N, C-alpha and C. Protein backbone atom coordinates (compact mmCIF):
# COMPACT_ATOMS: atom_id res chain seq x y z
N MET A 1 -11.94 16.29 39.95
CA MET A 1 -13.39 16.21 40.13
C MET A 1 -13.78 14.88 39.29
N ARG A 2 -14.60 14.12 39.86
CA ARG A 2 -15.12 13.03 39.20
C ARG A 2 -16.59 13.06 38.91
N LYS A 3 -16.90 12.36 37.65
CA LYS A 3 -18.35 12.22 37.33
C LYS A 3 -18.70 10.69 37.37
N PHE A 4 -19.91 10.40 37.50
CA PHE A 4 -20.35 8.93 37.29
C PHE A 4 -20.95 8.75 35.92
N LEU A 5 -20.55 7.55 35.51
CA LEU A 5 -21.06 6.93 34.14
C LEU A 5 -21.72 5.74 34.54
N THR A 6 -22.70 5.37 33.69
CA THR A 6 -23.49 4.13 33.77
C THR A 6 -22.97 3.13 32.60
N ALA A 7 -22.98 1.88 32.72
CA ALA A 7 -22.80 0.98 31.88
C ALA A 7 -23.41 -0.31 32.12
N LYS A 8 -23.55 -1.11 31.10
CA LYS A 8 -24.24 -2.43 31.34
C LYS A 8 -23.36 -3.25 32.31
N ALA A 9 -24.16 -3.86 33.09
CA ALA A 9 -23.52 -4.71 34.24
C ALA A 9 -22.43 -5.76 33.83
N GLU A 10 -22.87 -6.52 32.69
CA GLU A 10 -21.82 -7.37 32.22
C GLU A 10 -20.55 -6.93 31.65
N LEU A 11 -20.63 -5.69 31.19
CA LEU A 11 -19.42 -4.97 30.71
C LEU A 11 -18.64 -4.67 31.90
N VAL A 12 -19.21 -4.10 32.86
CA VAL A 12 -18.53 -3.63 33.98
C VAL A 12 -17.74 -4.82 34.58
N GLU A 13 -18.47 -6.01 34.81
CA GLU A 13 -17.90 -7.15 35.23
C GLU A 13 -16.61 -7.48 34.46
N LYS A 14 -16.75 -7.51 33.07
CA LYS A 14 -15.56 -7.98 32.26
C LYS A 14 -14.43 -6.90 32.48
N VAL A 15 -14.76 -5.68 32.60
CA VAL A 15 -13.78 -4.62 32.77
C VAL A 15 -13.00 -4.80 34.17
N ASN A 16 -13.86 -5.12 35.19
CA ASN A 16 -13.33 -5.42 36.45
C ASN A 16 -12.53 -6.76 36.57
N ASP A 17 -12.85 -7.74 35.70
CA ASP A 17 -11.97 -8.83 35.71
C ASP A 17 -10.68 -8.46 35.11
N VAL A 18 -10.72 -7.75 33.92
CA VAL A 18 -9.45 -7.20 33.24
C VAL A 18 -8.49 -6.37 34.20
N ALA A 19 -9.13 -5.63 35.04
CA ALA A 19 -8.50 -4.64 35.92
C ALA A 19 -7.83 -5.47 36.99
N LYS A 20 -8.41 -6.46 37.58
CA LYS A 20 -7.84 -7.39 38.48
C LYS A 20 -6.69 -8.06 37.88
N LYS A 21 -6.94 -8.70 36.79
CA LYS A 21 -5.85 -9.48 36.00
C LYS A 21 -4.63 -8.78 35.64
N ASP A 22 -4.73 -7.27 35.31
CA ASP A 22 -3.77 -6.48 34.96
C ASP A 22 -3.09 -5.58 36.16
N GLY A 23 -3.86 -5.68 37.35
CA GLY A 23 -3.30 -5.01 38.36
C GLY A 23 -3.66 -3.43 38.33
N ARG A 24 -4.87 -3.10 37.66
CA ARG A 24 -5.29 -1.78 37.46
C ARG A 24 -6.46 -1.48 38.13
N THR A 25 -6.96 -0.27 37.99
CA THR A 25 -8.29 -0.03 38.49
C THR A 25 -9.13 0.27 37.39
N ILE A 26 -10.48 0.11 37.71
CA ILE A 26 -11.41 0.37 36.62
C ILE A 26 -11.48 1.77 36.26
N PHE A 27 -11.22 2.78 37.04
CA PHE A 27 -11.04 3.96 36.85
C PHE A 27 -10.00 4.29 35.76
N SER A 28 -8.82 3.69 35.84
CA SER A 28 -7.79 3.78 34.76
C SER A 28 -8.22 3.42 33.43
N ILE A 29 -8.90 2.31 33.48
CA ILE A 29 -9.13 1.56 32.17
C ILE A 29 -10.17 2.51 31.49
N VAL A 30 -11.32 2.88 32.34
CA VAL A 30 -12.25 3.65 31.68
C VAL A 30 -11.80 5.01 31.07
N ASN A 31 -10.84 5.66 31.97
CA ASN A 31 -10.31 6.99 31.35
C ASN A 31 -9.54 6.65 30.17
N GLU A 32 -8.68 5.58 30.20
CA GLU A 32 -8.04 5.26 28.92
C GLU A 32 -8.91 4.89 27.71
N ALA A 33 -9.92 4.39 27.90
CA ALA A 33 -10.78 3.89 26.93
C ALA A 33 -11.54 5.32 26.40
N LEU A 34 -11.99 6.16 27.23
CA LEU A 34 -12.56 7.54 26.84
C LEU A 34 -11.48 8.33 26.15
N GLU A 35 -10.32 8.44 26.47
CA GLU A 35 -9.17 9.18 25.82
C GLU A 35 -9.09 8.74 24.41
N GLU A 36 -9.02 7.30 24.38
CA GLU A 36 -8.87 6.71 23.03
C GLU A 36 -10.12 6.95 22.03
N PHE A 37 -11.23 7.01 22.65
CA PHE A 37 -12.44 7.25 21.96
C PHE A 37 -12.39 8.87 21.39
N LEU A 38 -12.03 9.67 22.28
CA LEU A 38 -11.73 11.03 21.91
C LEU A 38 -10.88 11.20 20.61
N MET A 39 -9.60 10.50 20.91
CA MET A 39 -8.67 10.52 19.78
C MET A 39 -9.09 10.14 18.37
N ALA A 40 -9.97 9.07 18.39
CA ALA A 40 -10.52 8.48 17.24
C ALA A 40 -11.48 9.56 16.71
N ASN A 41 -12.41 9.92 17.50
CA ASN A 41 -13.40 11.03 17.12
C ASN A 41 -12.73 12.27 16.56
N GLU A 42 -11.71 12.59 17.00
CA GLU A 42 -11.02 13.88 16.51
C GLU A 42 -10.51 13.51 14.94
N LYS A 43 -10.40 12.31 14.73
CA LYS A 43 -10.01 11.90 13.39
C LYS A 43 -11.19 11.41 12.46
N ASN A 44 -12.25 11.74 13.10
CA ASN A 44 -13.70 11.29 12.44
C ASN A 44 -13.77 9.96 12.11
N LYS A 45 -13.24 9.08 13.18
CA LYS A 45 -13.43 7.68 13.16
C LYS A 45 -14.09 7.12 14.31
N SER A 46 -14.61 5.98 14.38
CA SER A 46 -15.10 5.25 15.46
C SER A 46 -14.07 4.38 15.97
N LEU A 47 -14.22 4.02 17.24
CA LEU A 47 -13.23 2.94 17.76
C LEU A 47 -13.27 1.64 16.91
N TYR A 48 -14.49 1.17 16.55
CA TYR A 48 -14.75 0.15 15.51
C TYR A 48 -13.81 0.32 14.34
N GLU A 49 -13.96 1.50 13.87
CA GLU A 49 -13.12 1.70 12.50
C GLU A 49 -11.72 1.54 12.72
N VAL A 50 -11.16 2.05 13.88
CA VAL A 50 -9.76 2.03 14.17
C VAL A 50 -9.31 0.66 14.25
N ILE A 51 -10.19 -0.21 15.08
CA ILE A 51 -9.74 -1.59 15.28
C ILE A 51 -9.98 -2.37 13.99
N GLU A 52 -10.85 -2.18 13.21
CA GLU A 52 -10.84 -2.83 11.96
C GLU A 52 -9.73 -2.53 10.95
N GLU A 53 -9.13 -1.23 11.06
CA GLU A 53 -8.04 -0.96 10.21
C GLU A 53 -6.87 -1.68 10.76
N LEU A 54 -6.64 -1.80 12.14
CA LEU A 54 -5.50 -2.57 12.68
C LEU A 54 -5.77 -4.15 12.27
N LYS A 55 -7.00 -4.59 12.34
CA LYS A 55 -7.09 -5.96 11.81
C LYS A 55 -6.68 -6.07 10.38
N THR A 56 -6.98 -5.13 9.56
CA THR A 56 -6.55 -5.13 8.27
C THR A 56 -5.18 -5.26 8.02
N ILE A 57 -4.50 -4.26 8.75
CA ILE A 57 -3.02 -4.27 8.76
C ILE A 57 -2.40 -5.60 9.18
N GLU A 58 -2.87 -6.21 10.16
CA GLU A 58 -2.40 -7.52 10.68
C GLU A 58 -2.50 -8.56 9.71
N ILE A 59 -3.88 -8.63 9.07
CA ILE A 59 -3.98 -9.65 8.10
C ILE A 59 -3.14 -9.49 6.89
N ALA A 60 -2.99 -8.32 6.44
CA ALA A 60 -2.12 -7.99 5.37
C ALA A 60 -0.66 -8.51 5.74
N LYS A 61 -0.21 -8.18 6.81
CA LYS A 61 1.19 -8.60 7.27
C LYS A 61 1.24 -10.12 7.28
N ASN A 62 0.22 -10.68 7.97
CA ASN A 62 0.25 -12.08 8.01
C ASN A 62 0.06 -12.77 6.63
N ALA A 63 -0.34 -12.06 5.72
CA ALA A 63 -0.50 -12.67 4.28
C ALA A 63 0.85 -12.36 3.41
N GLY A 64 1.77 -11.74 4.17
CA GLY A 64 3.03 -11.49 3.44
C GLY A 64 3.28 -10.23 2.69
N MET A 65 2.20 -9.35 2.98
CA MET A 65 2.20 -7.92 2.28
C MET A 65 3.19 -6.98 3.06
N VAL A 66 3.78 -6.15 2.34
CA VAL A 66 4.59 -4.95 2.91
C VAL A 66 3.91 -3.79 2.52
N PHE A 67 4.06 -2.82 3.33
CA PHE A 67 3.77 -1.29 2.92
C PHE A 67 4.72 -0.59 2.45
N VAL A 68 4.82 -0.05 1.21
CA VAL A 68 5.82 0.90 0.78
C VAL A 68 5.19 2.17 0.28
N PRO A 69 5.91 3.20 0.22
CA PRO A 69 5.34 4.34 -0.38
C PRO A 69 4.78 4.23 -1.73
N GLU A 70 3.63 4.76 -2.05
CA GLU A 70 3.10 4.68 -3.38
C GLU A 70 3.88 5.17 -4.33
N GLU A 71 4.57 6.41 -4.21
CA GLU A 71 5.31 6.80 -5.37
C GLU A 71 6.65 5.86 -5.53
N PHE A 72 7.07 5.28 -4.50
CA PHE A 72 8.12 4.37 -4.80
C PHE A 72 7.67 3.03 -5.57
N HIS A 73 6.49 2.63 -5.19
CA HIS A 73 5.92 1.48 -5.93
C HIS A 73 5.76 1.88 -7.25
N GLU A 74 5.09 3.01 -7.66
CA GLU A 74 4.75 3.48 -8.85
C GLU A 74 6.14 3.56 -9.80
N ASN A 75 7.24 4.03 -9.07
CA ASN A 75 8.51 4.18 -9.85
C ASN A 75 9.16 2.82 -10.20
N VAL A 76 9.18 1.76 -9.24
CA VAL A 76 9.54 0.56 -9.53
C VAL A 76 8.73 -0.12 -10.56
N ILE A 77 7.46 0.01 -10.47
CA ILE A 77 6.72 -0.69 -11.52
C ILE A 77 6.68 -0.07 -12.91
N ASN A 78 6.97 1.14 -12.91
CA ASN A 78 7.20 1.87 -14.30
C ASN A 78 8.45 1.37 -15.00
N ARG A 79 9.47 1.17 -14.11
CA ARG A 79 10.73 0.81 -14.70
C ARG A 79 10.92 -0.76 -14.99
N THR A 80 9.76 -1.43 -14.65
CA THR A 80 9.99 -3.03 -14.68
C THR A 80 9.02 -3.40 -15.74
N SER A 81 9.38 -4.36 -16.47
CA SER A 81 8.61 -4.87 -17.51
C SER A 81 7.99 -6.38 -16.93
N LEU A 82 6.77 -6.40 -16.59
CA LEU A 82 6.31 -7.47 -15.98
C LEU A 82 5.92 -8.65 -16.99
N GLY A 83 6.41 -9.84 -16.56
CA GLY A 83 6.07 -10.90 -17.40
C GLY A 83 4.91 -11.63 -16.85
N LYS A 84 4.65 -12.87 -17.53
CA LYS A 84 3.50 -13.63 -17.15
C LYS A 84 3.54 -14.33 -15.80
N ASN A 85 4.80 -14.62 -15.29
CA ASN A 85 4.92 -15.12 -14.10
C ASN A 85 4.84 -14.15 -12.92
N ASP A 86 5.12 -12.84 -13.21
CA ASP A 86 4.79 -11.72 -12.23
C ASP A 86 3.34 -11.60 -12.01
N TYR A 87 2.73 -11.52 -13.04
CA TYR A 87 1.13 -11.35 -12.94
C TYR A 87 0.58 -12.58 -12.25
N LYS A 88 1.13 -13.78 -12.48
CA LYS A 88 0.70 -14.94 -11.82
C LYS A 88 0.88 -14.65 -10.25
N SER A 89 2.06 -14.22 -9.93
CA SER A 89 2.35 -13.88 -8.45
C SER A 89 1.26 -12.97 -7.89
N TRP A 90 0.89 -12.02 -8.58
CA TRP A 90 -0.18 -11.02 -8.01
C TRP A 90 -1.48 -11.77 -7.86
N ASN A 91 -1.78 -12.61 -8.82
CA ASN A 91 -2.97 -13.51 -8.74
C ASN A 91 -2.90 -14.35 -7.59
N GLU A 92 -1.88 -14.99 -7.45
CA GLU A 92 -1.55 -15.94 -6.13
C GLU A 92 -1.65 -15.15 -4.85
N ALA A 93 -1.09 -13.96 -4.94
CA ALA A 93 -1.19 -13.13 -3.56
C ALA A 93 -2.65 -12.72 -3.26
N GLY A 94 -3.34 -12.55 -4.32
CA GLY A 94 -4.96 -12.33 -4.17
C GLY A 94 -5.57 -13.45 -3.44
N ARG A 95 -5.17 -14.68 -4.08
CA ARG A 95 -5.60 -15.81 -3.46
C ARG A 95 -5.50 -16.01 -1.95
N ILE A 96 -4.17 -15.92 -1.76
CA ILE A 96 -3.75 -15.89 -0.22
C ILE A 96 -4.44 -14.90 0.45
N PHE A 97 -4.50 -13.62 0.02
CA PHE A 97 -5.13 -12.87 1.06
C PHE A 97 -6.66 -13.06 1.13
N GLY A 98 -7.24 -13.60 0.13
CA GLY A 98 -8.51 -13.91 0.28
C GLY A 98 -8.91 -15.04 1.32
N LYS A 99 -7.93 -16.01 1.39
CA LYS A 99 -7.98 -16.88 2.38
C LYS A 99 -7.68 -16.51 3.69
N TYR A 100 -6.79 -15.51 3.88
CA TYR A 100 -6.58 -14.87 5.14
C TYR A 100 -7.90 -14.12 5.67
N LEU A 101 -8.59 -13.41 4.65
CA LEU A 101 -9.87 -12.75 5.09
C LEU A 101 -10.88 -13.74 5.54
N GLU A 102 -10.93 -14.89 4.75
CA GLU A 102 -11.82 -15.86 5.03
C GLU A 102 -11.56 -16.43 6.52
N VAL A 103 -10.38 -16.84 6.78
CA VAL A 103 -10.01 -17.31 8.19
C VAL A 103 -10.23 -16.34 9.25
N ASN A 104 -10.15 -15.11 8.93
CA ASN A 104 -10.52 -14.07 9.86
C ASN A 104 -11.87 -13.44 9.87
N ASN A 105 -12.82 -14.29 9.28
CA ASN A 105 -14.25 -13.95 9.09
C ASN A 105 -14.56 -12.49 8.65
N MET A 106 -13.91 -12.32 7.48
CA MET A 106 -14.08 -11.27 6.86
C MET A 106 -14.44 -11.37 5.45
N LYS A 107 -15.40 -12.47 5.20
CA LYS A 107 -15.77 -12.81 3.95
C LYS A 107 -16.93 -11.97 3.28
N GLU A 108 -17.57 -11.23 4.03
CA GLU A 108 -18.71 -10.34 3.47
C GLU A 108 -18.17 -9.31 2.65
N LEU A 109 -18.80 -9.19 1.47
CA LEU A 109 -18.38 -8.30 0.35
C LEU A 109 -18.15 -6.82 0.97
N LYS A 110 -18.92 -6.21 1.76
CA LYS A 110 -18.75 -5.01 2.20
C LYS A 110 -17.52 -4.74 3.01
N ASN A 111 -17.15 -5.99 3.77
CA ASN A 111 -15.62 -5.95 4.59
C ASN A 111 -14.66 -5.99 3.71
N ILE A 112 -14.88 -6.79 2.61
CA ILE A 112 -13.68 -6.98 1.60
C ILE A 112 -13.63 -5.50 0.98
N GLU A 113 -14.60 -5.01 0.54
CA GLU A 113 -14.52 -3.71 -0.22
C GLU A 113 -13.78 -2.70 0.76
N ARG A 114 -14.13 -2.55 2.03
CA ARG A 114 -13.55 -1.65 2.87
C ARG A 114 -11.97 -2.02 3.08
N VAL A 115 -11.73 -3.22 3.30
CA VAL A 115 -10.31 -3.67 3.34
C VAL A 115 -9.45 -3.36 2.09
N ILE A 116 -10.00 -3.69 0.93
CA ILE A 116 -9.26 -3.23 -0.26
C ILE A 116 -9.04 -1.88 -0.45
N LYS A 117 -10.23 -1.13 -0.16
CA LYS A 117 -10.10 0.35 -0.39
C LYS A 117 -8.85 0.99 0.70
N TYR A 118 -8.94 0.36 1.78
CA TYR A 118 -7.83 0.77 2.78
C TYR A 118 -6.48 0.35 2.28
N LEU A 119 -6.26 -0.98 1.72
CA LEU A 119 -4.99 -1.25 1.29
C LEU A 119 -4.47 -0.46 0.00
N ILE A 120 -5.52 -0.06 -0.96
CA ILE A 120 -5.05 0.64 -2.10
C ILE A 120 -4.67 2.01 -1.81
N GLY A 121 -5.32 2.56 -0.72
CA GLY A 121 -4.98 3.97 -0.31
C GLY A 121 -5.29 5.04 -1.35
N GLY A 122 -4.78 6.32 -1.17
CA GLY A 122 -4.97 7.35 -2.25
C GLY A 122 -6.42 7.60 -2.36
N VAL A 123 -6.75 8.16 -3.44
CA VAL A 123 -8.10 8.66 -3.84
C VAL A 123 -8.67 7.49 -4.52
N SER A 124 -9.40 6.56 -3.92
CA SER A 124 -9.93 5.33 -4.90
C SER A 124 -11.23 5.10 -4.43
N GLU A 125 -11.93 4.62 -5.45
CA GLU A 125 -13.40 4.09 -5.17
C GLU A 125 -13.40 2.82 -5.59
N ILE A 126 -13.94 1.83 -4.84
CA ILE A 126 -13.95 0.47 -5.01
C ILE A 126 -15.52 -0.06 -4.47
N LEU A 127 -15.89 -0.77 -5.44
CA LEU A 127 -17.23 -1.33 -5.24
C LEU A 127 -17.34 -3.00 -5.44
N PHE A 128 -17.65 -3.64 -4.43
CA PHE A 128 -17.81 -5.05 -4.51
C PHE A 128 -19.30 -5.43 -4.48
N SER A 129 -19.82 -6.10 -5.50
CA SER A 129 -21.23 -6.57 -5.45
C SER A 129 -21.26 -7.93 -5.80
N GLU A 130 -22.39 -8.67 -5.88
CA GLU A 130 -22.66 -9.85 -6.25
C GLU A 130 -22.30 -10.25 -7.63
N ASN A 131 -22.19 -9.19 -8.69
CA ASN A 131 -22.05 -9.37 -9.97
C ASN A 131 -20.88 -8.58 -10.71
N ARG A 132 -20.32 -7.84 -9.78
CA ARG A 132 -19.11 -7.16 -10.36
C ARG A 132 -18.30 -6.37 -9.28
N VAL A 133 -17.04 -6.20 -9.53
CA VAL A 133 -15.99 -5.38 -8.80
C VAL A 133 -15.69 -4.27 -9.74
N VAL A 134 -15.80 -3.01 -9.28
CA VAL A 134 -15.28 -1.81 -9.88
C VAL A 134 -14.36 -1.07 -8.85
N CYS A 135 -13.29 -0.84 -9.55
CA CYS A 135 -12.26 0.06 -8.79
C CYS A 135 -11.82 1.23 -9.79
N ILE A 136 -11.97 2.35 -9.20
CA ILE A 136 -11.52 3.57 -9.98
C ILE A 136 -10.61 4.29 -9.15
N CYS A 137 -9.40 4.58 -9.60
CA CYS A 137 -8.23 5.21 -8.72
C CYS A 137 -7.51 6.10 -9.86
N PRO A 138 -7.78 7.27 -10.24
CA PRO A 138 -7.36 8.00 -11.32
C PRO A 138 -5.85 8.06 -11.25
N LYS A 139 -5.18 8.16 -9.99
CA LYS A 139 -3.60 8.28 -10.19
C LYS A 139 -2.97 6.98 -10.50
N MET A 140 -3.70 5.91 -10.56
CA MET A 140 -3.11 4.56 -10.74
C MET A 140 -2.53 4.51 -12.31
N SER A 141 -1.24 4.05 -12.49
CA SER A 141 -0.86 3.85 -13.82
C SER A 141 -1.60 2.60 -14.40
N GLU A 142 -1.29 2.39 -15.67
CA GLU A 142 -2.04 1.28 -16.33
C GLU A 142 -1.37 -0.04 -15.98
N GLN A 143 -0.05 -0.05 -15.66
CA GLN A 143 0.57 -1.37 -15.11
C GLN A 143 0.11 -1.63 -13.88
N ARG A 144 0.05 -0.58 -12.92
CA ARG A 144 -0.46 -0.86 -11.67
C ARG A 144 -1.95 -1.37 -11.65
N SER A 145 -2.69 -0.74 -12.41
CA SER A 145 -4.20 -1.20 -12.72
C SER A 145 -4.02 -2.69 -13.20
N GLU A 146 -3.24 -3.17 -14.04
CA GLU A 146 -3.12 -4.55 -14.38
C GLU A 146 -2.77 -5.43 -13.10
N GLU A 147 -1.85 -4.91 -12.34
CA GLU A 147 -1.42 -5.67 -11.19
C GLU A 147 -2.45 -5.82 -10.36
N LEU A 148 -3.35 -4.74 -10.01
CA LEU A 148 -4.34 -4.88 -8.98
C LEU A 148 -5.34 -5.63 -9.46
N ALA A 149 -5.67 -5.50 -10.78
CA ALA A 149 -6.75 -6.44 -11.35
C ALA A 149 -6.35 -7.95 -11.18
N GLU A 150 -5.03 -8.19 -11.41
CA GLU A 150 -4.67 -9.78 -11.15
C GLU A 150 -5.02 -10.08 -9.63
N PHE A 151 -4.53 -9.30 -8.87
CA PHE A 151 -4.73 -9.40 -7.48
C PHE A 151 -6.14 -9.60 -6.95
N LEU A 152 -6.92 -8.73 -7.58
CA LEU A 152 -8.58 -8.77 -7.38
C LEU A 152 -8.98 -10.09 -7.80
N GLU A 153 -8.59 -10.52 -9.10
CA GLU A 153 -9.10 -11.86 -9.70
C GLU A 153 -8.73 -12.89 -8.76
N GLY A 154 -7.47 -12.91 -8.12
CA GLY A 154 -7.18 -14.09 -7.35
C GLY A 154 -7.93 -13.98 -6.04
N LEU A 155 -8.22 -12.74 -5.54
CA LEU A 155 -9.05 -12.64 -4.23
C LEU A 155 -10.55 -13.13 -4.47
N ILE A 156 -11.01 -12.67 -5.54
CA ILE A 156 -12.44 -13.06 -6.05
C ILE A 156 -12.64 -14.53 -6.07
N GLU A 157 -11.63 -15.11 -6.87
CA GLU A 157 -11.79 -16.49 -7.25
C GLU A 157 -11.56 -17.38 -5.77
N SER A 158 -10.74 -16.88 -4.87
CA SER A 158 -10.71 -17.46 -3.74
C SER A 158 -12.04 -17.58 -2.96
N LEU A 159 -12.92 -16.46 -3.05
CA LEU A 159 -14.15 -16.37 -2.53
C LEU A 159 -15.26 -17.20 -3.04
N GLY A 160 -14.86 -17.98 -4.19
CA GLY A 160 -15.86 -18.79 -4.68
C GLY A 160 -16.62 -18.17 -5.95
N PHE A 161 -16.06 -17.01 -6.66
CA PHE A 161 -16.58 -16.52 -7.60
C PHE A 161 -15.90 -16.78 -9.05
N ILE A 162 -16.52 -16.68 -10.07
CA ILE A 162 -15.96 -16.96 -11.47
C ILE A 162 -15.77 -15.65 -12.19
N ILE A 163 -14.76 -15.35 -12.92
CA ILE A 163 -14.58 -14.02 -13.59
C ILE A 163 -15.37 -14.41 -14.93
N SER A 164 -16.25 -13.55 -15.17
CA SER A 164 -16.99 -13.70 -16.56
C SER A 164 -16.37 -12.66 -17.65
N SER A 165 -15.92 -11.63 -17.15
CA SER A 165 -15.17 -10.55 -18.16
C SER A 165 -14.47 -9.74 -17.28
N LYS A 166 -13.60 -8.91 -17.94
CA LYS A 166 -12.83 -7.78 -17.26
C LYS A 166 -12.41 -6.76 -18.29
N GLU A 167 -12.48 -5.39 -17.72
CA GLU A 167 -11.96 -4.34 -18.41
C GLU A 167 -10.89 -3.58 -17.70
N ILE A 168 -9.79 -3.36 -18.07
CA ILE A 168 -8.88 -2.72 -17.39
C ILE A 168 -8.21 -1.57 -18.32
N SER A 169 -8.14 -0.44 -17.63
CA SER A 169 -7.45 0.75 -18.37
C SER A 169 -6.82 1.57 -17.29
N ARG A 170 -6.09 2.58 -17.61
CA ARG A 170 -5.33 3.38 -16.67
C ARG A 170 -6.36 3.77 -15.65
N GLY A 171 -6.29 3.23 -14.29
CA GLY A 171 -7.08 3.94 -13.24
C GLY A 171 -8.33 3.18 -13.13
N ILE A 172 -8.76 2.33 -14.06
CA ILE A 172 -10.20 1.86 -13.95
C ILE A 172 -10.12 0.31 -14.19
N ILE A 173 -10.68 -0.42 -13.26
CA ILE A 173 -10.84 -1.90 -13.25
C ILE A 173 -12.23 -2.32 -13.14
N ILE A 174 -12.83 -2.96 -14.05
CA ILE A 174 -14.15 -3.55 -14.05
C ILE A 174 -14.09 -5.02 -14.30
N ILE A 175 -14.41 -5.80 -13.33
CA ILE A 175 -14.43 -7.12 -13.21
C ILE A 175 -15.94 -7.72 -13.05
N LYS A 176 -16.62 -8.34 -13.93
CA LYS A 176 -17.64 -8.88 -13.98
C LYS A 176 -17.52 -10.36 -13.39
N ILE A 177 -18.45 -10.67 -12.34
CA ILE A 177 -18.27 -11.94 -11.59
C ILE A 177 -19.62 -12.75 -11.50
N LYS A 178 -19.56 -13.95 -11.28
CA LYS A 178 -20.72 -14.73 -10.83
C LYS A 178 -20.40 -15.81 -9.90
N LYS A 179 -21.27 -16.05 -8.96
CA LYS A 179 -20.98 -17.00 -7.91
C LYS A 179 -20.87 -18.52 -8.58
N GLN A 180 -19.83 -19.21 -8.22
CA GLN A 180 -19.81 -20.59 -8.50
C GLN A 180 -20.87 -21.37 -8.06
N LYS A 181 -21.43 -22.30 -8.97
CA LYS A 181 -22.40 -23.12 -8.39
C LYS A 181 -21.91 -24.24 -7.53
N ALA A 182 -22.59 -24.54 -6.47
CA ALA A 182 -22.17 -25.57 -5.63
C ALA A 182 -22.26 -26.92 -6.14
N GLY A 183 -21.48 -27.85 -6.04
CA GLY A 183 -21.68 -29.08 -6.54
C GLY A 183 -20.47 -29.67 -7.23
């Protein structure tokens, strides 16, 4: 049994073009889209959110990031004594990631906040505003908090902000920022 759906004419034309190009029917494309919508909805996500998460993963991969289990990362970090060059690498990774976000039109603070929260994972709260960045992640060790703070500093500076002060303790990062003056 079939039901009829209505859609904006320009969308139907674009879907029709895709169908012709791919050798498919509009019917199959619409059904696929509706199935994907329902799967996202079951996970309490919109298709927009799913696509944004995929973009985040792609940007992270292109920036040279790899995903490892959180427990493994914590164990490695806790067994390692990080030196000045290691922290410099975290800062540089933040700068590079900031440039990737900029190139991918994700410079808006709310987008960056969402991306970083997604990358940190776990139970974490992060807030980006025009004057500070706050990250609270109770499970995070002190050393991981320091790493993340370095990464965030590089990211923040790549976006044209200056770090005016920072407080770092186990699971809590507060970085006060101000916009660099143009000129």
